[in-house]
N, C-alpha and C. Protein backbone atom coordinates (compact mmCIF):
# COMPACT_ATOMS: atom_id res chain seq x y z
N UNK A 1 183.82 143.55 -75.10
CA UNK A 1 184.15 143.59 -76.51
C UNK A 1 183.42 144.76 -77.16
N UNK A 2 184.11 145.35 -78.11
CA UNK A 2 183.48 146.44 -78.83
C UNK A 2 182.39 145.90 -79.75
N UNK A 3 181.46 146.78 -80.07
CA UNK A 3 180.36 146.36 -80.96
C UNK A 3 180.90 145.94 -82.32
N UNK A 4 181.98 146.60 -82.77
CA UNK A 4 182.57 146.26 -84.06
C UNK A 4 183.14 144.84 -84.03
N UNK A 5 183.81 144.49 -82.95
CA UNK A 5 184.37 143.14 -82.83
C UNK A 5 183.26 142.10 -82.76
N UNK A 6 182.22 142.38 -82.02
CA UNK A 6 181.09 141.46 -81.91
C UNK A 6 180.47 141.25 -83.29
N UNK A 7 180.32 142.31 -84.04
CA UNK A 7 179.76 142.22 -85.39
C UNK A 7 180.65 141.38 -86.29
N UNK A 8 181.96 141.58 -86.20
CA UNK A 8 182.90 140.80 -87.00
C UNK A 8 182.83 139.32 -86.65
N UNK A 9 182.73 139.02 -85.36
CA UNK A 9 182.65 137.63 -84.93
C UNK A 9 181.36 136.99 -85.42
N UNK A 10 180.25 137.70 -85.31
CA UNK A 10 178.97 137.17 -85.80
C UNK A 10 179.04 136.87 -87.28
N UNK A 11 179.62 137.79 -88.05
CA UNK A 11 179.75 137.60 -89.50
C UNK A 11 180.62 136.39 -89.80
N UNK A 12 181.71 136.26 -89.07
CA UNK A 12 182.62 135.13 -89.30
C UNK A 12 181.95 133.80 -88.93
N UNK A 13 181.21 133.77 -87.83
CA UNK A 13 180.51 132.55 -87.43
C UNK A 13 179.48 132.16 -88.49
N UNK A 14 178.76 133.14 -89.00
CA UNK A 14 177.78 132.85 -90.05
C UNK A 14 178.47 132.27 -91.29
N UNK A 15 179.63 132.82 -91.63
CA UNK A 15 180.37 132.32 -92.79
C UNK A 15 180.83 130.88 -92.55
N UNK A 16 181.34 130.62 -91.36
CA UNK A 16 181.86 129.29 -91.05
C UNK A 16 180.73 128.26 -91.04
N UNK A 17 179.59 128.61 -90.46
CA UNK A 17 178.47 127.68 -90.38
C UNK A 17 177.99 127.27 -91.77
N UNK A 18 178.17 128.15 -92.75
CA UNK A 18 177.73 127.84 -94.11
C UNK A 18 178.69 126.89 -94.83
N UNK A 19 179.87 126.66 -94.26
CA UNK A 19 180.85 125.77 -94.88
C UNK A 19 180.49 124.31 -94.65
N UNK A 20 181.05 123.42 -95.47
CA UNK A 20 180.90 121.99 -95.19
C UNK A 20 181.51 121.67 -93.82
N UNK A 21 180.97 120.66 -93.16
CA UNK A 21 181.41 120.33 -91.80
C UNK A 21 182.91 120.09 -91.71
N UNK A 22 183.50 119.46 -92.70
CA UNK A 22 184.93 119.16 -92.62
C UNK A 22 185.80 120.40 -92.66
N UNK A 23 185.28 121.50 -93.14
CA UNK A 23 186.03 122.76 -93.16
C UNK A 23 185.77 123.61 -91.93
N UNK A 24 184.66 123.36 -91.26
CA UNK A 24 184.29 124.19 -90.11
C UNK A 24 185.28 124.08 -88.96
N UNK A 25 185.80 122.88 -88.73
CA UNK A 25 186.68 122.67 -87.58
C UNK A 25 187.88 123.60 -87.64
N UNK A 26 188.56 123.63 -88.77
CA UNK A 26 189.75 124.47 -88.90
C UNK A 26 189.41 125.95 -88.81
N UNK A 27 188.31 126.35 -89.40
CA UNK A 27 187.95 127.76 -89.39
C UNK A 27 187.50 128.21 -88.00
N UNK A 28 186.77 127.35 -87.28
CA UNK A 28 186.40 127.70 -85.91
C UNK A 28 187.65 127.77 -85.03
N UNK A 29 188.61 126.89 -85.26
CA UNK A 29 189.86 126.92 -84.49
C UNK A 29 190.62 128.21 -84.76
N UNK A 30 190.64 128.64 -86.01
CA UNK A 30 191.31 129.90 -86.35
C UNK A 30 190.61 131.08 -85.70
N UNK A 31 189.29 131.07 -85.67
CA UNK A 31 188.53 132.13 -85.02
C UNK A 31 188.82 132.14 -83.52
N UNK A 32 188.85 130.96 -82.91
CA UNK A 32 189.17 130.86 -81.48
C UNK A 32 190.55 131.44 -81.19
N UNK A 33 191.53 131.10 -82.04
CA UNK A 33 192.89 131.62 -81.86
C UNK A 33 192.91 133.14 -81.97
N UNK A 34 192.17 133.67 -82.91
CA UNK A 34 192.11 135.12 -83.08
C UNK A 34 191.48 135.80 -81.87
N UNK A 35 190.39 135.21 -81.35
CA UNK A 35 189.75 135.77 -80.16
C UNK A 35 190.66 135.69 -78.94
N UNK A 36 191.38 134.58 -78.80
CA UNK A 36 192.32 134.46 -77.68
C UNK A 36 193.39 135.54 -77.78
N UNK A 37 193.85 135.81 -78.98
CA UNK A 37 194.86 136.84 -79.19
C UNK A 37 194.32 138.21 -78.78
N UNK A 38 193.10 138.51 -79.18
CA UNK A 38 192.48 139.79 -78.83
C UNK A 38 192.36 139.91 -77.30
N UNK A 39 191.92 138.82 -76.66
CA UNK A 39 191.78 138.84 -75.21
C UNK A 39 193.12 138.99 -74.52
N UNK A 40 194.14 138.31 -75.01
CA UNK A 40 195.47 138.41 -74.42
C UNK A 40 196.04 139.81 -74.59
N UNK A 41 195.82 140.41 -75.76
CA UNK A 41 196.27 141.79 -75.97
C UNK A 41 195.56 142.73 -75.03
N UNK A 42 194.27 142.49 -74.82
CA UNK A 42 193.49 143.32 -73.90
C UNK A 42 194.01 143.20 -72.48
N UNK A 43 194.35 141.98 -72.07
CA UNK A 43 194.87 141.76 -70.72
C UNK A 43 196.22 142.43 -70.52
N UNK A 44 197.06 142.45 -71.54
CA UNK A 44 198.39 143.04 -71.41
C UNK A 44 198.34 144.55 -71.40
N UNK A 45 197.24 145.14 -71.86
CA UNK A 45 197.10 146.59 -71.87
C UNK A 45 196.56 147.14 -70.56
N UNK A 46 196.28 146.28 -69.60
CA UNK A 46 195.74 146.74 -68.32
C UNK A 46 196.81 147.16 -67.38
């Protein structure tokens, strides 16, 4: 992963952790989906 992507993920995780627990689940799921998309795009470019 690029340093920029790692930085973005860290920032997003920090934001999500600050949310109430009932909101964290959906936001972590959205982050997971986004990361899976990035990984899948990376795999298709090989």
